[in-house]
């Protein structure tokens, strides 16, 4: 995920001498983040370590995330990288450290000395973002929501244009947050999903596609947002666009195009090892191929090659600040 100007500015102010990576280190970082976003944490670690050891705060953060998720708890190694990142002003790392009251090493009584207590990291992050949030910065207001779990900050961030906040506003309303008449609740869900989709958040695009189809029967708009999600590299968008193009199944009135359907479905094999997608590919691809000629399959392979060269890497788009 791309750093916002706001986050980059905070980091620059916190650590003017932040690391500059060589081309090889930058390439390793990029590859590591791609693999992390494909749920391939084990494969990601060696690449992220290259950039993390060179002092890159974002690689350090992702490495901390990867190690924490691999072990299902905050262990000493993950905390080391979070602290290295947080020391350079990385807000995501500060928040994760602030949430680390239940470190496994505390139960084992073998924690290394911490730079700060969790509450100190949270307070430090709050002191950095609160002034910008008070000035109406959308991302800063979202950070304030993460720091306080106060829904008022979430709504402020969403109203100021943060696509992730808009998505979570829609999910919250759908789950019963707020007081609405039934049809007004639906309007609010659609309102926030539409804004988030237009703001470029792929999970919202897929949610909005389903919403406008079910609520309004608008097939044209639903197809548009599925294609947009696929164009962003979102796994759900690519798999849906492929399946519906091949009419396997036939939904949303997509034109039959087995070449495209086979090609897009085959691309999902790249995610083998992440998210159990290969099970789906192994079932779906032969079903599509049964109705194709060898020439069409050859054409589909070329289509897949061109798609991969002209589109972002496949991703599950996990939230950068995970729980």
Protein backbone atom coordinates (compact mmCIF):
# COMPACT_ATOMS: atom_id res chain seq x y z
CA UNK A 1 0.00 0.00 0.00
CA UNK A 2 1.19 3.48 -0.80
CA UNK A 3 2.05 5.78 2.08
CA UNK A 4 -0.07 8.91 2.21
CA UNK A 5 1.58 12.31 2.14
CA UNK A 6 0.44 12.82 5.73
CA UNK A 7 2.09 9.64 7.00
CA UNK A 8 5.24 10.31 5.02
CA UNK A 9 5.45 13.82 6.47
CA UNK A 10 5.14 12.57 10.05
CA UNK A 11 7.89 10.03 9.47
CA UNK A 12 10.14 12.62 7.88
CA UNK A 13 9.63 14.94 10.84
CA UNK A 14 10.26 12.13 13.33
CA UNK A 15 13.39 10.90 11.59
CA UNK A 16 14.87 13.20 8.94
CA UNK A 17 17.67 10.68 8.29
CA UNK A 18 15.43 7.75 7.39
CA UNK A 19 17.05 5.02 5.31
CA UNK A 20 17.41 5.26 1.56
CA UNK A 21 17.35 1.85 -0.09
CA UNK A 22 19.45 0.63 -2.96
CA UNK A 23 17.60 -0.61 -6.02
CA UNK A 24 18.11 -4.20 -4.88
CA UNK A 25 16.82 -3.44 -1.40
CA UNK A 26 13.84 -1.55 -2.79
CA UNK A 27 13.04 -4.46 -5.08
CA UNK A 28 13.21 -6.87 -2.14
CA UNK A 29 10.90 -4.65 -0.11
CA UNK A 30 8.36 -4.43 -2.94
CA UNK A 31 8.45 -8.19 -3.45
CA UNK A 32 8.06 -8.80 0.26
CA UNK A 33 4.99 -6.58 0.52
CA UNK A 34 3.43 -8.24 -2.55
CA UNK A 35 3.90 -11.67 -0.96
CA UNK A 36 2.59 -10.44 2.39
CA UNK A 37 -0.55 -9.11 0.68
CA UNK A 38 -0.97 -12.53 -0.93
CA UNK A 39 -0.99 -14.19 2.50
CA UNK A 40 2.46 -15.69 1.91
CA UNK A 41 4.09 -14.47 5.10
CA UNK A 42 6.76 -17.16 5.22
CA UNK A 43 7.92 -16.37 1.69
CA UNK A 44 7.70 -12.63 2.36
CA UNK A 45 10.00 -12.64 5.38
CA UNK A 46 13.32 -13.12 3.62
CA UNK A 47 12.58 -10.25 1.22
CA UNK A 48 11.29 -7.93 3.94
CA UNK A 49 14.33 -8.68 6.09
CA UNK A 50 16.65 -7.30 3.39
CA UNK A 51 14.98 -3.88 3.49
CA UNK A 52 14.26 -3.98 7.22
CA UNK A 53 17.92 -4.56 8.06
CA UNK A 54 18.76 -1.63 5.77
CA UNK A 55 16.62 0.56 8.03
CA UNK A 56 13.41 0.93 6.03
CA UNK A 57 10.59 1.62 8.51
CA UNK A 58 7.81 0.24 6.32
CA UNK A 59 9.64 -3.03 5.68
CA UNK A 60 10.31 -3.25 9.42
CA UNK A 61 6.60 -2.80 10.10
CA UNK A 62 5.52 -5.44 7.59
CA UNK A 63 8.14 -7.84 8.91
CA UNK A 64 6.80 -7.33 12.42
CA UNK A 65 3.28 -7.99 11.14
CA UNK A 66 4.37 -11.10 9.28
CA UNK A 67 6.20 -12.54 12.28
CA UNK A 68 3.34 -11.76 14.64
CA UNK A 69 0.79 -13.43 12.37
CA UNK A 70 3.02 -16.43 11.77
CA UNK A 71 3.27 -17.02 15.51
CA UNK A 72 -0.29 -15.86 16.30
CA UNK A 73 1.02 -13.56 19.01
CA UNK A 74 3.44 -10.70 19.59
CA UNK A 75 6.77 -12.40 20.22
CA UNK A 76 10.14 -10.80 20.94
CA UNK A 77 11.33 -10.89 17.32
CA UNK A 78 8.19 -9.21 15.99
CA UNK A 79 8.36 -6.57 18.71
CA UNK A 80 11.98 -5.82 17.82
CA UNK A 81 10.97 -4.86 14.29
CA UNK A 82 7.90 -2.94 15.38
CA UNK A 83 10.06 -0.93 17.75
CA UNK A 84 12.63 -0.24 15.04
CA UNK A 85 9.84 1.03 12.80
CA UNK A 86 8.10 3.01 15.53
CA UNK A 87 11.40 4.67 16.50
CA UNK A 88 11.38 6.15 12.98
CA UNK A 89 7.89 7.57 13.44
CA UNK A 90 5.80 4.81 11.86
CA UNK A 91 2.29 5.25 13.26
CA UNK A 92 1.15 1.75 12.34
CA UNK A 93 4.00 0.26 14.36
CA UNK A 94 3.25 2.52 17.32
CA UNK A 95 -0.37 1.41 17.37
CA UNK A 96 0.51 -2.27 17.18
CA UNK A 97 2.98 -1.85 20.03
CA UNK A 98 0.28 -0.03 21.96
CA UNK A 99 -2.00 -3.03 21.53
CA UNK A 100 0.64 -5.49 22.74
CA UNK A 101 -0.36 -5.79 26.39
CA UNK A 102 -0.61 -9.58 26.04
CA UNK A 103 2.84 -10.34 24.65
CA UNK A 104 3.59 -14.06 24.83
CA UNK A 105 7.00 -13.29 26.26
CA UNK A 106 5.32 -11.69 29.28
CA UNK A 107 3.71 -15.00 30.10
CA UNK A 108 7.09 -16.69 29.64
CA UNK A 109 8.80 -13.94 31.64
CA UNK A 110 11.54 -13.59 29.03
CA UNK A 111 10.76 -10.26 27.36
CA UNK A 112 13.76 -8.15 26.38
CA UNK A 113 13.72 -4.58 27.73
CA UNK A 114 11.10 -2.54 25.87
CA UNK A 115 11.77 0.93 24.51
CA UNK A 116 8.39 2.11 25.82
CA UNK A 117 5.35 0.66 27.54
CA UNK A 118 2.31 0.07 25.31
CA UNK A 119 0.45 3.08 26.69
CA UNK A 120 3.47 5.29 25.96
CA UNK A 121 3.43 4.25 22.29
CA UNK A 122 -0.29 4.96 22.05
CA UNK A 123 0.12 8.36 23.68
CA UNK A 124 3.03 9.19 21.39
CA UNK A 125 1.00 8.27 18.30
CA UNK A 126 -1.95 10.28 19.58
CA UNK A 127 0.24 13.34 20.14
CA UNK A 128 1.47 13.09 16.56
CA UNK A 129 -1.91 12.72 14.86
CA UNK A 130 -4.34 14.67 17.06
CA UNK A 131 -3.32 18.14 15.77
CA UNK A 132 -3.79 17.03 12.16
CA UNK A 133 -7.06 15.32 13.00
CA UNK A 134 -8.33 18.50 14.61
CA UNK A 135 -7.50 20.29 11.36
CA UNK A 136 -9.69 17.87 9.40
CA UNK A 137 -7.09 15.53 7.89
CA UNK A 138 -8.99 12.39 6.85
CA UNK A 139 -6.18 9.91 7.48
CA UNK A 140 -5.28 11.47 10.82
CA UNK A 141 -8.91 11.15 11.87
CA UNK A 142 -8.85 7.47 10.92
CA UNK A 143 -5.74 6.97 13.04
CA UNK A 144 -7.60 8.65 15.90
CA UNK A 145 -10.39 6.14 15.44
CA UNK A 146 -7.90 3.27 15.66
CA UNK A 147 -6.34 4.83 18.75
CA UNK A 148 -9.62 5.52 20.56
CA UNK A 149 -12.19 3.14 18.97
CA UNK A 150 -14.49 6.16 19.03
CA UNK A 151 -17.00 5.87 16.16
CA UNK A 152 -17.22 9.65 15.98
CA UNK A 153 -13.69 9.73 14.59
CA UNK A 154 -14.57 7.02 12.08
CA UNK A 155 -17.51 9.03 10.78
CA UNK A 156 -15.44 12.22 10.64
CA UNK A 157 -12.73 10.42 8.66
CA UNK A 158 -15.32 8.93 6.30
CA UNK A 159 -17.00 12.30 5.79
CA UNK A 160 -13.60 13.81 5.01
CA UNK A 161 -13.02 11.25 2.24
CA UNK A 162 -11.05 8.34 3.71
CA UNK A 163 -12.09 5.30 1.65
CA UNK A 164 -11.24 2.75 4.35
CA UNK A 165 -13.29 4.67 6.91
CA UNK A 166 -16.16 4.87 4.43
CA UNK A 167 -16.03 1.11 3.97
CA UNK A 168 -16.19 0.48 7.70
CA UNK A 169 -19.01 2.97 8.07
CA UNK A 170 -20.98 0.90 5.55
CA UNK A 171 -20.18 -2.36 7.33
CA UNK A 172 -21.10 -0.88 10.70
CA UNK A 173 -24.44 0.43 9.45
CA UNK A 174 -25.16 -2.95 7.85
CA UNK A 175 -24.44 -4.67 11.17
CA UNK A 176 -26.90 -2.42 12.99
CA UNK A 177 -24.95 0.66 14.06
CA UNK A 178 -26.98 3.86 14.33
CA UNK A 179 -30.72 4.44 14.25
CA UNK A 180 -32.39 4.25 10.84
CA UNK A 181 -35.71 3.41 9.30
CA UNK A 182 -35.20 0.19 7.28
CA UNK A 183 -35.03 1.90 3.88
CA UNK A 184 -32.83 4.67 5.26
CA UNK A 185 -30.39 2.08 6.58
CA UNK A 186 -30.09 0.63 3.07
CA UNK A 187 -29.55 4.12 1.68
CA UNK A 188 -26.74 4.72 4.18
CA UNK A 189 -25.05 1.42 3.36
CA UNK A 190 -25.17 2.21 -0.36
CA UNK A 191 -24.00 5.77 0.22
CA UNK A 192 -20.84 4.78 2.10
CA UNK A 193 -20.03 1.80 -0.14
CA UNK A 194 -20.33 3.98 -3.24
CA UNK A 195 -17.99 6.61 -1.82
CA UNK A 196 -15.45 3.99 -0.76
CA UNK A 197 -15.58 2.27 -4.15
CA UNK A 198 -15.15 5.59 -5.93
CA UNK A 199 -12.26 6.31 -3.57
CA UNK A 200 -10.47 3.24 -4.93
CA UNK A 201 -10.91 0.64 -2.18
CA UNK A 202 -11.32 -2.76 -3.92
CA UNK A 203 -13.21 -4.62 -1.14
CA UNK A 204 -15.80 -1.83 -1.25
CA UNK A 205 -16.05 -2.19 -5.02
CA UNK A 206 -17.09 -5.83 -4.68
CA UNK A 207 -19.46 -5.09 -1.81
CA UNK A 208 -21.01 -2.25 -3.78
CA UNK A 209 -21.41 -4.42 -6.89
CA UNK A 210 -23.44 -6.92 -4.88
CA UNK A 211 -25.38 -4.18 -3.12
CA UNK A 212 -26.54 -2.32 -6.23
CA UNK A 213 -27.46 -5.58 -7.92
CA UNK A 214 -29.51 -6.82 -4.98
CA UNK A 215 -31.01 -3.46 -4.04
CA UNK A 216 -31.49 -1.87 -7.47
CA UNK A 217 -31.01 -4.65 -10.02
CA UNK A 218 -28.43 -2.47 -11.78
CA UNK A 219 -26.42 -5.05 -13.71
CA UNK A 220 -24.41 -2.51 -15.71
CA UNK A 221 -23.10 -0.76 -12.60
CA UNK A 222 -22.48 -4.08 -10.82
CA UNK A 223 -20.38 -5.35 -13.73
CA UNK A 224 -18.45 -2.08 -13.80
CA UNK A 225 -17.36 -2.39 -10.17
CA UNK A 226 -16.42 -6.06 -10.48
CA UNK A 227 -14.18 -5.18 -13.43
CA UNK A 228 -12.71 -2.23 -11.52
CA UNK A 229 -11.88 -4.49 -8.57
CA UNK A 230 -10.23 -6.97 -10.94
CA UNK A 231 -8.24 -4.18 -12.57
CA UNK A 232 -6.88 -3.28 -9.12
CA UNK A 233 -5.62 -6.85 -8.68
CA UNK A 234 -8.13 -7.76 -5.97
CA UNK A 235 -8.38 -11.54 -5.74
CA UNK A 236 -12.16 -11.47 -5.30
CA UNK A 237 -12.56 -9.22 -8.33
CA UNK A 238 -10.29 -11.30 -10.57
CA UNK A 239 -11.90 -14.60 -9.57
CA UNK A 240 -15.42 -13.20 -10.03
CA UNK A 241 -14.64 -11.54 -13.37
CA UNK A 242 -13.08 -14.78 -14.60
CA UNK A 243 -15.90 -17.03 -13.41
CA UNK A 244 -18.69 -14.82 -14.72
CA UNK A 245 -16.96 -14.29 -18.08
CA UNK A 246 -16.75 -18.07 -18.49
CA UNK A 247 -20.36 -18.43 -17.29
CA UNK A 248 -19.11 -20.68 -14.53
CA UNK A 249 -21.53 -19.60 -13.09
CA UNK A 250 -23.36 -17.08 -15.27
CA UNK A 251 -24.07 -14.05 -13.09
CA UNK A 252 -24.43 -10.30 -13.56
CA UNK A 253 -25.13 -10.83 -17.28
CA UNK A 254 -21.45 -10.82 -18.29
CA UNK A 255 -20.96 -11.66 -21.99
CA UNK A 256 -19.70 -15.19 -22.51
CA UNK A 257 -15.92 -15.10 -23.05
CA UNK A 258 -14.27 -18.37 -22.09
CA UNK A 259 -10.84 -17.16 -23.22
CA UNK A 260 -10.97 -14.30 -20.73
CA UNK A 261 -12.57 -16.49 -18.08
CA UNK A 262 -9.90 -19.19 -18.38
CA UNK A 263 -7.11 -16.61 -18.43
CA UNK A 264 -8.24 -14.76 -15.32
CA UNK A 265 -8.93 -17.97 -13.41
CA UNK A 266 -5.50 -19.33 -14.32
CA UNK A 267 -3.84 -16.20 -12.91
CA UNK A 268 -5.11 -17.13 -9.47
CA UNK A 269 -2.60 -20.00 -9.39
CA UNK A 270 -0.06 -17.35 -8.45
CA UNK A 271 -1.77 -17.25 -5.06
CA UNK A 272 -1.02 -20.91 -4.36
CA UNK A 273 -0.01 -21.06 -0.73
CA UNK A 274 -2.15 -18.11 0.26
CA UNK A 275 -5.85 -18.11 1.04
CA UNK A 276 -6.58 -21.66 -0.24
CA UNK A 277 -7.27 -20.27 -3.72
CA UNK A 278 -5.58 -23.16 -5.50
CA UNK A 279 -8.39 -25.49 -4.43
CA UNK A 280 -10.82 -23.28 -6.36
CA UNK A 281 -8.52 -23.06 -9.39
CA UNK A 282 -8.10 -26.83 -9.52
CA UNK A 283 -11.86 -27.25 -9.67
CA UNK A 284 -12.81 -24.31 -11.90
CA UNK A 285 -10.11 -24.37 -14.57
CA UNK A 286 -10.80 -27.89 -15.91
CA UNK A 287 -14.53 -27.12 -16.05
CA UNK A 288 -13.88 -24.08 -18.23
CA UNK A 289 -11.27 -25.91 -20.36
CA UNK A 290 -13.74 -28.70 -21.19
CA UNK A 291 -15.66 -26.28 -23.41
CA UNK A 292 -12.61 -24.77 -25.12
CA UNK A 293 -10.46 -25.71 -28.08
CA UNK A 294 -6.66 -26.00 -27.78
CA UNK A 295 -6.41 -22.78 -29.81
CA UNK A 296 -8.64 -20.96 -27.34
CA UNK A 297 -6.57 -22.20 -24.39
CA UNK A 298 -3.42 -20.97 -26.13
CA UNK A 299 -5.12 -17.61 -26.67
CA UNK A 300 -6.14 -17.55 -23.01
CA UNK A 301 -2.56 -18.18 -21.90
CA UNK A 302 -1.43 -15.20 -23.97
CA UNK A 303 -4.26 -13.09 -22.52
CA UNK A 304 -3.15 -14.04 -19.00
CA UNK A 305 0.45 -13.11 -19.78
CA UNK A 306 -0.58 -9.69 -21.10
CA UNK A 307 -2.92 -9.07 -18.15
CA UNK A 308 -0.19 -9.81 -15.65
CA UNK A 309 2.18 -7.43 -17.43
CA UNK A 310 -0.31 -4.55 -17.44
CA UNK A 311 -2.09 -4.89 -14.07
CA UNK A 312 -1.06 -4.69 -10.41
CA UNK A 313 -0.01 -7.88 -8.62
CA UNK A 314 -2.79 -10.02 -7.23
CA UNK A 315 -3.67 -9.13 -3.65
CA UNK A 316 -6.15 -9.98 -0.94
CA UNK A 317 -5.87 -6.34 0.20
CA UNK A 318 -5.51 -7.10 3.92
CA UNK A 319 -5.75 -4.00 6.04
CA UNK A 320 -2.33 -2.60 6.79
CA UNK A 321 -3.25 -2.14 10.46
CA UNK A 322 -4.40 -5.66 11.22
CA UNK A 323 -5.85 -7.08 14.40
